[in-house]
Amino acid sequence: MPPPLLSTLPARARLAFPIIQGGVRRGLSANSIQSLLRSEGLGIRRQSLLDIIRAERGIETASSRLRAMRRDFTPDPRRLPDALTKLRRAFSFQVKIRGFDLSTGEDITRFVSVALDDPLTRAEIENIGLGFIEDDMERYGLAVTDVILDRGVKAGVEGTLL
């Protein structure tokens, strides 16, 4: 049973992960991401970079299926990609919540993580994410206009749960 990808990488590669993740989401090439990392002083081995990019692109591909799924359907756990990190639960979903700031009227996008042991329908996952925002309105100050299931991963091989 292999460990999650990020736990096998050097500390510098783990530190660069959020930048790589953002680059993949924006559709940047591996060379562009590597240049960006170097400019930030976080140069890593090319092979480590490519491993992270491949894994992240797999998650992005699966995530596009989640966004297009009907709200009354449950995501198939067998089709969810393995998490790159250890998870506390069997599944972790990221819910994208869009709205506007109540005081300034500025458009805001927030991401909420929903960790579950049993898969729920897309609508139930989105409602849990929305509930986190609504429960702490003082902190977020957000009038919600849109809630979308953005991505999801599973804990993967046995033993990757924290």
Protein backbone atom coordinates (compact mmCIF):
# COMPACT_ATOMS: atom_id res chain seq x y z
CA MET A 1 0.00 0.00 0.00
CA PRO A 2 1.73 3.16 -1.19
CA PRO A 3 1.58 6.32 0.94
CA PRO A 4 -0.03 9.51 -0.41
CA LEU A 5 2.08 11.31 -3.02
CA LEU A 6 2.91 14.42 -1.02
CA SER A 7 4.24 12.44 1.93
CA THR A 8 6.84 10.84 -0.37
CA LEU A 9 8.18 14.16 -1.67
CA PRO A 10 10.89 16.39 -0.18
CA ALA A 11 9.84 19.27 2.08
CA ARG A 12 10.57 21.87 -0.60
CA ALA A 13 8.20 20.13 -3.06
CA ARG A 14 5.48 20.00 -0.39
CA LEU A 15 5.98 23.70 0.22
CA ALA A 16 5.58 24.39 -3.51
CA PHE A 17 2.36 22.35 -3.76
CA PRO A 18 -0.14 25.27 -3.45
CA ILE A 19 1.65 27.16 -6.23
CA ILE A 20 1.68 24.08 -8.46
CA GLN A 21 -1.99 23.47 -7.70
CA GLY A 22 -2.85 27.04 -8.71
CA GLY A 23 -0.81 26.74 -11.89
CA VAL A 24 -2.63 23.57 -12.92
CA ARG A 25 -6.00 25.20 -12.24
CA ARG A 26 -5.03 28.12 -14.47
CA GLY A 27 -3.90 25.73 -17.21
CA LEU A 28 -0.20 26.63 -17.12
CA SER A 29 2.37 24.32 -18.68
CA ALA A 30 4.95 22.47 -16.59
CA ASN A 31 7.67 24.84 -17.83
CA SER A 32 5.64 27.88 -16.81
CA ILE A 33 4.98 26.44 -13.37
CA GLN A 34 8.66 25.61 -12.94
CA SER A 35 9.64 29.17 -13.91
CA LEU A 36 7.11 30.53 -11.44
CA LEU A 37 8.53 28.32 -8.68
CA ARG A 38 12.08 29.45 -9.45
CA SER A 39 11.03 33.10 -9.32
CA GLU A 40 9.61 32.39 -5.83
CA GLY A 41 12.85 30.67 -4.78
CA LEU A 42 11.20 27.24 -4.64
CA GLY A 43 12.93 25.33 -7.43
CA ILE A 44 12.26 21.59 -7.18
CA ARG A 45 13.29 18.53 -9.16
CA ARG A 46 11.55 18.28 -12.52
CA GLN A 47 10.35 14.73 -11.80
CA SER A 48 8.73 15.77 -8.52
CA LEU A 49 7.03 18.66 -10.30
CA LEU A 50 5.70 16.39 -13.05
CA ASP A 51 4.42 13.84 -10.52
CA ILE A 52 2.46 16.54 -8.69
CA ILE A 53 1.13 18.02 -11.95
CA ARG A 54 -0.07 14.62 -13.20
CA ALA A 55 -1.83 13.86 -9.93
CA GLU A 56 -3.43 17.31 -9.79
CA ARG A 57 -4.62 17.07 -13.41
CA GLY A 58 -6.27 13.74 -12.55
CA ILE A 59 -8.13 15.43 -9.73
CA GLU A 60 -9.16 18.29 -12.04
CA THR A 61 -10.51 15.83 -14.63
CA ALA A 62 -12.59 14.00 -12.03
CA SER A 63 -13.75 17.34 -10.60
CA SER A 64 -15.22 18.42 -13.92
CA ARG A 65 -17.47 15.33 -13.74
CA LEU A 66 -18.61 16.30 -10.23
CA ARG A 67 -19.55 19.81 -11.35
CA ALA A 68 -21.67 18.41 -14.20
CA MET A 69 -23.40 15.73 -12.10
CA ARG A 70 -27.09 16.07 -11.30
CA ARG A 71 -27.78 17.39 -7.83
CA ASP A 72 -29.75 14.30 -6.75
CA PHE A 73 -26.92 11.89 -7.71
CA THR A 74 -24.25 10.57 -5.36
CA PRO A 75 -20.61 10.66 -6.55
CA ASP A 76 -19.27 7.18 -7.26
CA PRO A 77 -16.43 6.60 -4.75
CA ARG A 78 -14.63 4.34 -7.23
CA ARG A 79 -14.33 7.24 -9.69
CA LEU A 80 -12.98 9.76 -7.19
CA PRO A 81 -9.20 10.22 -7.39
CA ASP A 82 -6.96 9.39 -4.44
CA ALA A 83 -6.04 12.33 -2.24
CA LEU A 84 -2.51 13.67 -2.50
CA THR A 85 -2.42 14.16 1.26
CA LYS A 86 -3.71 12.23 4.27
CA LEU A 87 -7.39 12.73 5.09
CA ARG A 88 -9.24 12.56 8.40
CA ARG A 89 -12.31 11.04 6.74
CA ALA A 90 -12.94 8.69 3.82
CA PHE A 91 -13.90 11.53 1.43
CA SER A 92 -13.12 15.22 1.14
CA PHE A 93 -15.11 17.56 -1.08
CA GLN A 94 -14.45 21.22 -1.82
CA VAL A 95 -17.52 23.41 -2.25
CA LYS A 96 -17.17 26.71 -4.12
CA ILE A 97 -19.42 29.43 -2.74
CA ARG A 98 -19.88 32.68 -4.63
CA GLY A 99 -21.61 35.79 -3.45
CA PHE A 100 -21.05 39.43 -2.65
CA ASP A 101 -19.77 41.26 0.39
CA LEU A 102 -22.65 42.76 2.36
CA SER A 103 -20.75 45.93 3.21
CA THR A 104 -18.98 46.73 -0.09
CA GLY A 105 -20.98 44.79 -2.69
CA GLU A 106 -17.74 43.27 -4.03
CA ASP A 107 -17.92 39.79 -5.63
CA ILE A 108 -16.37 37.12 -3.40
CA THR A 109 -15.55 33.45 -3.90
CA ARG A 110 -14.94 31.18 -0.92
CA PHE A 111 -14.05 27.50 -0.75
CA VAL A 112 -15.30 25.24 2.03
CA SER A 113 -14.05 21.69 2.66
CA VAL A 114 -16.60 19.05 3.55
CA ALA A 115 -15.13 15.80 4.91
CA LEU A 116 -17.38 12.73 5.04
CA ASP A 117 -17.17 9.05 5.91
CA ASP A 118 -20.12 8.12 3.70
CA PRO A 119 -20.86 9.62 0.27
CA LEU A 120 -23.89 11.88 0.06
CA THR A 121 -25.69 13.40 -2.93
CA ARG A 122 -24.23 16.45 -4.60
CA ALA A 123 -27.06 18.61 -3.19
CA GLU A 124 -26.43 17.38 0.37
CA ILE A 125 -22.70 18.08 0.10
CA GLU A 126 -23.37 21.58 -1.25
CA ASN A 127 -25.91 22.23 1.52
CA ILE A 128 -23.39 21.22 4.20
CA GLY A 129 -20.86 23.66 2.68
CA LEU A 130 -23.47 26.41 2.53
CA GLY A 131 -24.40 25.67 6.15
CA PHE A 132 -20.82 26.37 7.25
CA ILE A 133 -21.05 29.84 5.69
CA GLU A 134 -24.52 30.56 7.06
CA ASP A 135 -23.59 29.42 10.58
CA ASP A 136 -20.75 31.94 10.75
CA MET A 137 -22.22 34.93 8.89
CA GLU A 138 -20.34 37.43 11.08
CA ARG A 139 -17.03 35.98 9.94
CA TYR A 140 -17.85 35.71 6.26
CA GLY A 141 -20.22 38.68 5.71
CA LEU A 142 -21.31 37.13 2.46
CA ALA A 143 -24.65 37.10 0.63
CA VAL A 144 -24.54 33.79 -1.24
CA THR A 145 -25.52 33.72 -4.91
CA ASP A 146 -24.12 30.37 -6.07
CA VAL A 147 -23.00 27.07 -4.50
CA ILE A 148 -21.13 24.46 -6.59
CA LEU A 149 -19.42 21.19 -5.72
CA ASP A 150 -15.95 22.01 -7.01
CA ARG A 151 -13.83 18.90 -6.40
CA GLY A 152 -13.64 15.69 -4.44
CA VAL A 153 -11.08 13.07 -3.44
CA LYS A 154 -11.08 9.83 -1.48
CA ALA A 155 -8.64 8.65 1.15
CA GLY A 156 -7.41 6.03 -1.29
CA VAL A 157 -5.50 3.01 -0.15
CA GLU A 158 -6.17 1.66 3.29
CA GLY A 159 -4.01 3.31 5.89
CA THR A 160 -3.98 6.85 4.47
CA LEU A 161 -6.50 8.08 7.01
CA LEU A 162 -4.94 10.13 9.81
